[in-house]
Amino acid sequence: MHRVARLVDEPNWKSFLPAVDSIFFATSRIQLFGDERERRSFKAKWLDRYLCHYIDNFFVALADNGDLAGYLAGCLENPTLNPLFNDLAYYKFFAPYCASYPCHLHVNVAARYHNYGVGTALVETFAAQASNAQSSGIHIVTNKGARNVRFYERNSFRALATTNSNGTRVVFMGRQLKQN
């Protein structure tokens, strides 16, 4: 079993950050880096901006034994209207879809907690937060052929558009939200 909470609501929440880093790098599509600077830059691009600027939208799934089973880094703002995301070129192409699906997320689960509903629980928690904020939808951008596409489809996301980004085919998947 596991429970989901906002990271900052956990006592001693900073003690979870090394485990977040570990899961981040273990689940990243890039596993080898030229040097430590390149590794830090990659983490800054895909994880740190959420921890630094959107920590209220950062959720953790904790196993009964206290282990970090997974996390969700989210943002309730439309990335096409936010300068913090200008470095993600694919958003220029996906801008029309972001209007209807403005909230975005990254979810990663430790390998030993796959197939226990951890990822789904994290997504549902973020979807509820976005719905409570009166958002019309949430989205994810991922590699077109990645196995996580099926995970998102099972969690009510649907593929809306694809484009090439840095030589990789990426897909924009959106999920509509019910207004509370």
C-alpha atoms as a PDB file:
ATOM      1  CA  MET A   1       0.000   0.000   0.000  1.00  0.00           C
ATOM      2  CA  HIS A   2       0.966   3.635  -0.308  1.00  0.00           C
ATOM      3  CA  ARG A   3      -0.302   7.107   0.421  1.00  0.00           C
ATOM      4  CA  VAL A   4       0.031  10.281  -1.645  1.00  0.00           C
ATOM      5  CA  ALA A   5       0.773  13.692  -0.160  1.00  0.00           C
ATOM      6  CA  ARG A   6       2.179  17.033  -1.187  1.00  0.00           C
ATOM      7  CA  LEU A   7       5.907  16.909  -0.623  1.00  0.00           C
ATOM      8  CA  VAL A   8       5.958  20.079   1.485  1.00  0.00           C
ATOM      9  CA  ASP A   9       3.219  18.727   3.762  1.00  0.00           C
ATOM     10  CA  GLU A  10       5.496  15.923   4.914  1.00  0.00           C
ATOM     11  CA  PRO A  11       7.532  16.470   8.093  1.00  0.00           C
ATOM     12  CA  ASN A  12      11.213  16.620   7.155  1.00  0.00           C
ATOM     13  CA  TRP A  13      10.228  16.779   3.481  1.00  0.00           C
ATOM     14  CA  LYS A  14      13.751  17.721   2.430  1.00  0.00           C
ATOM     15  CA  SER A  15      14.912  14.271   3.540  1.00  0.00           C
ATOM     16  CA  PHE A  16      12.981  12.840   0.555  1.00  0.00           C
ATOM     17  CA  LEU A  17      14.953  14.847  -2.022  1.00  0.00           C
ATOM     18  CA  PRO A  18      17.802  12.308  -2.440  1.00  0.00           C
ATOM     19  CA  ALA A  19      15.213   9.587  -3.144  1.00  0.00           C
ATOM     20  CA  VAL A  20      13.460  11.893  -5.641  1.00  0.00           C
ATOM     21  CA  ASP A  21      16.817  12.379  -7.394  1.00  0.00           C
ATOM     22  CA  SER A  22      17.443   8.635  -7.394  1.00  0.00           C
ATOM     23  CA  ILE A  23      14.054   7.853  -8.959  1.00  0.00           C
ATOM     24  CA  PHE A  24      14.461  10.717 -11.433  1.00  0.00           C
ATOM     25  CA  PHE A  25      17.769   9.443 -12.777  1.00  0.00           C
ATOM     26  CA  ALA A  26      16.758   5.766 -12.671  1.00  0.00           C
ATOM     27  CA  THR A  27      13.676   6.484 -14.820  1.00  0.00           C
ATOM     28  CA  SER A  28      15.192   9.086 -17.162  1.00  0.00           C
ATOM     29  CA  ARG A  29      15.523   8.268 -20.835  1.00  0.00           C
ATOM     30  CA  ILE A  30      19.122   9.505 -20.687  1.00  0.00           C
ATOM     31  CA  GLN A  31      21.282   7.366 -18.444  1.00  0.00           C
ATOM     32  CA  LEU A  32      24.815   8.435 -19.374  1.00  0.00           C
ATOM     33  CA  PHE A  33      26.154  11.964 -19.096  1.00  0.00           C
ATOM     34  CA  GLY A  34      29.408  13.428 -20.355  1.00  0.00           C
ATOM     35  CA  ASP A  35      30.196  14.978 -17.008  1.00  0.00           C
ATOM     36  CA  GLU A  36      28.620  16.179 -13.772  1.00  0.00           C
ATOM     37  CA  ARG A  37      27.749  19.586 -15.258  1.00  0.00           C
ATOM     38  CA  GLU A  38      25.718  17.919 -18.031  1.00  0.00           C
ATOM     39  CA  ARG A  39      23.979  15.718 -15.452  1.00  0.00           C
ATOM     40  CA  ARG A  40      23.060  18.749 -13.282  1.00  0.00           C
ATOM     41  CA  SER A  41      21.813  20.646 -16.340  1.00  0.00           C
ATOM     42  CA  PHE A  42      19.548  17.749 -17.315  1.00  0.00           C
ATOM     43  CA  LYS A  43      18.117  17.584 -13.794  1.00  0.00           C
ATOM     44  CA  ALA A  44      17.600  21.355 -13.697  1.00  0.00           C
ATOM     45  CA  LYS A  45      15.630  21.220 -16.949  1.00  0.00           C
ATOM     46  CA  TRP A  46      13.341  18.313 -16.107  1.00  0.00           C
ATOM     47  CA  LEU A  47      13.044  18.309 -12.303  1.00  0.00           C
ATOM     48  CA  ASP A  48      14.508  21.294 -10.463  1.00  0.00           C
ATOM     49  CA  ARG A  49      12.269  23.924 -12.059  1.00  0.00           C
ATOM     50  CA  TYR A  50       9.297  22.146 -10.444  1.00  0.00           C
ATOM     51  CA  LEU A  51      10.972  21.810  -7.055  1.00  0.00           C
ATOM     52  CA  CYS A  52      12.090  25.459  -7.097  1.00  0.00           C
ATOM     53  CA  HIS A  53       9.021  27.155  -8.573  1.00  0.00           C
ATOM     54  CA  TYR A  54       6.055  24.758  -8.220  1.00  0.00           C
ATOM     55  CA  ILE A  55       6.711  22.838  -5.040  1.00  0.00           C
ATOM     56  CA  ASP A  56       3.039  23.176  -4.013  1.00  0.00           C
ATOM     57  CA  ASN A  57       2.263  20.968  -7.040  1.00  0.00           C
ATOM     58  CA  PHE A  58       4.872  18.341  -6.187  1.00  0.00           C
ATOM     59  CA  PHE A  59       3.411  15.112  -4.825  1.00  0.00           C
ATOM     60  CA  VAL A  60       5.034  12.011  -3.371  1.00  0.00           C
ATOM     61  CA  ALA A  61       3.768   8.478  -2.961  1.00  0.00           C
ATOM     62  CA  LEU A  62       5.039   6.895   0.226  1.00  0.00           C
ATOM     63  CA  ALA A  63       5.060   3.149   0.819  1.00  0.00           C
ATOM     64  CA  ASP A  64       3.917   1.776   4.176  1.00  0.00           C
ATOM     65  CA  ASN A  65       7.560   1.259   5.126  1.00  0.00           C
ATOM     66  CA  GLY A  66       8.264   4.972   4.538  1.00  0.00           C
ATOM     67  CA  ASP A  67      10.094   4.499   1.220  1.00  0.00           C
ATOM     68  CA  LEU A  68       9.472   6.957  -1.554  1.00  0.00           C
ATOM     69  CA  ALA A  69       7.603   4.887  -4.144  1.00  0.00           C
ATOM     70  CA  GLY A  70       7.270   7.693  -6.701  1.00  0.00           C
ATOM     71  CA  TYR A  71       6.624  11.350  -7.299  1.00  0.00           C
ATOM     72  CA  LEU A  72       4.699  13.723  -9.534  1.00  0.00           C
ATOM     73  CA  ALA A  73       6.097  17.116 -10.491  1.00  0.00           C
ATOM     74  CA  GLY A  74       3.310  19.349 -11.757  1.00  0.00           C
ATOM     75  CA  CYS A  75       2.464  22.889 -12.726  1.00  0.00           C
ATOM     76  CA  LEU A  76      -1.014  24.422 -12.909  1.00  0.00           C
ATOM     77  CA  GLU A  77       0.091  27.115 -15.401  1.00  0.00           C
ATOM     78  CA  ASN A  78      -0.020  26.958 -19.177  1.00  0.00           C
ATOM     79  CA  PRO A  79       3.631  26.460 -20.197  1.00  0.00           C
ATOM     80  CA  THR A  80       3.195  28.459 -23.408  1.00  0.00           C
ATOM     81  CA  LEU A  81       2.412  31.552 -21.323  1.00  0.00           C
ATOM     82  CA  ASN A  82       5.197  30.995 -18.796  1.00  0.00           C
ATOM     83  CA  PRO A  83       8.773  32.101 -19.618  1.00  0.00           C
ATOM     84  CA  LEU A  84      10.173  29.350 -17.363  1.00  0.00           C
ATOM     85  CA  PHE A  85       9.256  26.860 -20.088  1.00  0.00           C
ATOM     86  CA  ASN A  86      10.553  28.790 -23.123  1.00  0.00           C
ATOM     87  CA  ASP A  87      13.417  26.302 -23.471  1.00  0.00           C
ATOM     88  CA  LEU A  88      10.999  23.483 -24.378  1.00  0.00           C
ATOM     89  CA  ALA A  89      10.689  24.086 -28.109  1.00  0.00           C
ATOM     90  CA  TYR A  90       7.883  21.586 -28.643  1.00  0.00           C
ATOM     91  CA  TYR A  91       5.464  23.887 -26.817  1.00  0.00           C
ATOM     92  CA  LYS A  92       5.489  26.242 -29.801  1.00  0.00           C
ATOM     93  CA  PHE A  93       3.826  23.469 -31.797  1.00  0.00           C
ATOM     94  CA  PHE A  94       1.573  22.339 -28.929  1.00  0.00           C
ATOM     95  CA  ALA A  95       0.424  25.852 -27.919  1.00  0.00           C
ATOM     96  CA  PRO A  96      -3.132  25.456 -29.303  1.00  0.00           C
ATOM     97  CA  TYR A  97      -3.622  22.305 -27.202  1.00  0.00           C
ATOM     98  CA  CYS A  98      -2.238  23.904 -24.043  1.00  0.00           C
ATOM     99  CA  ALA A  99      -5.149  26.346 -24.005  1.00  0.00           C
ATOM    100  CA  SER A 100      -7.543  23.452 -23.246  1.00  0.00           C
ATOM    101  CA  TYR A 101      -5.044  21.351 -21.278  1.00  0.00           C
ATOM    102  CA  PRO A 102      -2.891  23.930 -19.468  1.00  0.00           C
ATOM    103  CA  CYS A 103      -1.684  21.959 -16.443  1.00  0.00           C
ATOM    104  CA  HIS A 104       1.270  19.660 -16.994  1.00  0.00           C
ATOM    105  CA  LEU A 105       3.071  16.965 -15.093  1.00  0.00           C
ATOM    106  CA  HIS A 106       5.903  14.461 -14.940  1.00  0.00           C
ATOM    107  CA  VAL A 107       5.385  11.272 -12.978  1.00  0.00           C
ATOM    108  CA  ASN A 108       8.053   8.728 -12.088  1.00  0.00           C
ATOM    109  CA  VAL A 109       7.774   5.574 -10.013  1.00  0.00           C
ATOM    110  CA  ALA A 110      10.572   3.450  -8.571  1.00  0.00           C
ATOM    111  CA  ALA A 111      10.840   0.162 -10.485  1.00  0.00           C
ATOM    112  CA  ARG A 112       9.971  -2.002  -7.485  1.00  0.00           C
ATOM    113  CA  TYR A 113       6.650  -0.136  -7.114  1.00  0.00           C
ATOM    114  CA  HIS A 114       5.492  -0.534 -10.725  1.00  0.00           C
ATOM    115  CA  ASN A 115       2.072  -2.165 -11.164  1.00  0.00           C
ATOM    116  CA  TYR A 116       0.852  -1.236  -7.673  1.00  0.00           C
ATOM    117  CA  GLY A 117      -1.235   1.779  -8.689  1.00  0.00           C
ATOM    118  CA  VAL A 118       1.353   4.322  -7.504  1.00  0.00           C
ATOM    119  CA  GLY A 119       1.469   6.282 -10.768  1.00  0.00           C
ATOM    120  CA  THR A 120      -2.304   6.306 -11.076  1.00  0.00           C
ATOM    121  CA  ALA A 121      -2.708   7.562  -7.491  1.00  0.00           C
ATOM    122  CA  LEU A 122      -0.254  10.387  -8.183  1.00  0.00           C
ATOM    123  CA  VAL A 123      -2.023  11.374 -11.417  1.00  0.00           C
ATOM    124  CA  GLU A 124      -5.445  11.305  -9.732  1.00  0.00           C
ATOM    125  CA  THR A 125      -4.188  13.514  -6.901  1.00  0.00           C
ATOM    126  CA  PHE A 126      -2.806  16.078  -9.346  1.00  0.00           C
ATOM    127  CA  ALA A 127      -5.960  15.906 -11.496  1.00  0.00           C
ATOM    128  CA  ALA A 128      -8.057  16.675  -8.400  1.00  0.00           C
ATOM    129  CA  GLN A 129      -5.821  19.638  -7.547  1.00  0.00           C
ATOM    130  CA  ALA A 130      -6.069  20.974 -11.120  1.00  0.00           C
ATOM    131  CA  SER A 131      -9.839  20.465 -11.147  1.00  0.00           C
ATOM    132  CA  ASN A 132     -10.156  22.315  -7.827  1.00  0.00           C
ATOM    133  CA  ALA A 133      -8.208  25.165  -9.446  1.00  0.00           C
ATOM    134  CA  GLN A 134     -10.891  25.235 -12.176  1.00  0.00           C
ATOM    135  CA  SER A 135      -8.560  23.974 -14.891  1.00  0.00           C
ATOM    136  CA  SER A 136     -10.101  22.465 -18.004  1.00  0.00           C
ATOM    137  CA  GLY A 137      -7.419  19.826 -18.444  1.00  0.00           C
ATOM    138  CA  ILE A 138      -3.987  18.379 -17.803  1.00  0.00           C
ATOM    139  CA  HIS A 139      -1.338  17.175 -20.217  1.00  0.00           C
ATOM    140  CA  ILE A 140       1.854  15.228 -20.564  1.00  0.00           C
ATOM    141  CA  VAL A 141       4.460  15.311 -23.325  1.00  0.00           C
ATOM    142  CA  THR A 142       6.388  12.087 -23.811  1.00  0.00           C
ATOM    143  CA  ASN A 143       8.242  10.116 -26.452  1.00  0.00           C
ATOM    144  CA  LYS A 144       5.787   8.728 -29.003  1.00  0.00           C
ATOM    145  CA  GLY A 145       6.957   5.115 -28.713  1.00  0.00           C
ATOM    146  CA  ALA A 146       7.559   5.061 -24.960  1.00  0.00           C
ATOM    147  CA  ARG A 147       5.887   2.385 -22.856  1.00  0.00           C
ATOM    148  CA  ASN A 148       4.442   5.080 -20.597  1.00  0.00           C
ATOM    149  CA  VAL A 149       2.035   6.077 -23.404  1.00  0.00           C
ATOM    150  CA  ARG A 150      -0.095   3.049 -22.486  1.00  0.00           C
ATOM    151  CA  PHE A 151      -0.004   4.089 -18.821  1.00  0.00           C
ATOM    152  CA  TYR A 152      -1.357   7.525 -19.691  1.00  0.00           C
ATOM    153  CA  GLU A 153      -4.025   6.053 -21.958  1.00  0.00           C
ATOM    154  CA  ARG A 154      -5.199   3.867 -19.059  1.00  0.00           C
ATOM    155  CA  ASN A 155      -5.404   7.066 -16.992  1.00  0.00           C
ATOM    156  CA  SER A 156      -7.800   8.831 -19.396  1.00  0.00           C
ATOM    157  CA  PHE A 157      -5.204  10.735 -21.444  1.00  0.00           C
ATOM    158  CA  ARG A 158      -5.510  10.695 -25.208  1.00  0.00           C
ATOM    159  CA  ALA A 159      -2.967  11.530 -27.863  1.00  0.00           C
ATOM    160  CA  LEU A 160      -3.813  14.883 -29.434  1.00  0.00           C
ATOM    161  CA  ALA A 161      -0.731  15.804 -31.494  1.00  0.00           C
ATOM    162  CA  THR A 162       2.817  14.754 -32.300  1.00  0.00           C
ATOM    163  CA  THR A 163       5.916  16.611 -33.443  1.00  0.00           C
ATOM    164  CA  ASN A 164       9.676  16.150 -33.681  1.00  0.00           C
ATOM    165  CA  SER A 165      11.799  17.626 -30.913  1.00  0.00           C
ATOM    166  CA  ASN A 166      15.576  17.296 -30.965  1.00  0.00           C
ATOM    167  CA  GLY A 167      15.354  14.295 -33.272  1.00  0.00           C
ATOM    168  CA  THR A 168      12.734  12.510 -31.163  1.00  0.00           C
ATOM    169  CA  ARG A 169       9.058  12.053 -31.992  1.00  0.00           C
ATOM    170  CA  VAL A 170       7.040  13.387 -29.036  1.00  0.00           C
ATOM    171  CA  VAL A 171       3.329  13.183 -28.347  1.00  0.00           C
ATOM    172  CA  PHE A 172       1.072  15.631 -26.512  1.00  0.00           C
ATOM    173  CA  MET A 173      -1.496  13.720 -24.464  1.00  0.00           C
ATOM    174  CA  GLY A 174      -4.389  15.507 -22.795  1.00  0.00           C
ATOM    175  CA  ARG A 175      -7.013  14.661 -20.224  1.00  0.00           C
ATOM    176  CA  GLN A 176     -10.131  16.741 -19.748  1.00  0.00           C
ATOM    177  CA  LEU A 177     -11.171  17.545 -16.206  1.00  0.00           C
ATOM    178  CA  LYS A 178     -14.574  17.869 -14.642  1.00  0.00           C
ATOM    179  CA  GLN A 179     -15.174  21.189 -12.955  1.00  0.00           C
ATOM    180  CA  ASN A 180     -15.923  21.027  -9.233  1.00  0.00           C
END
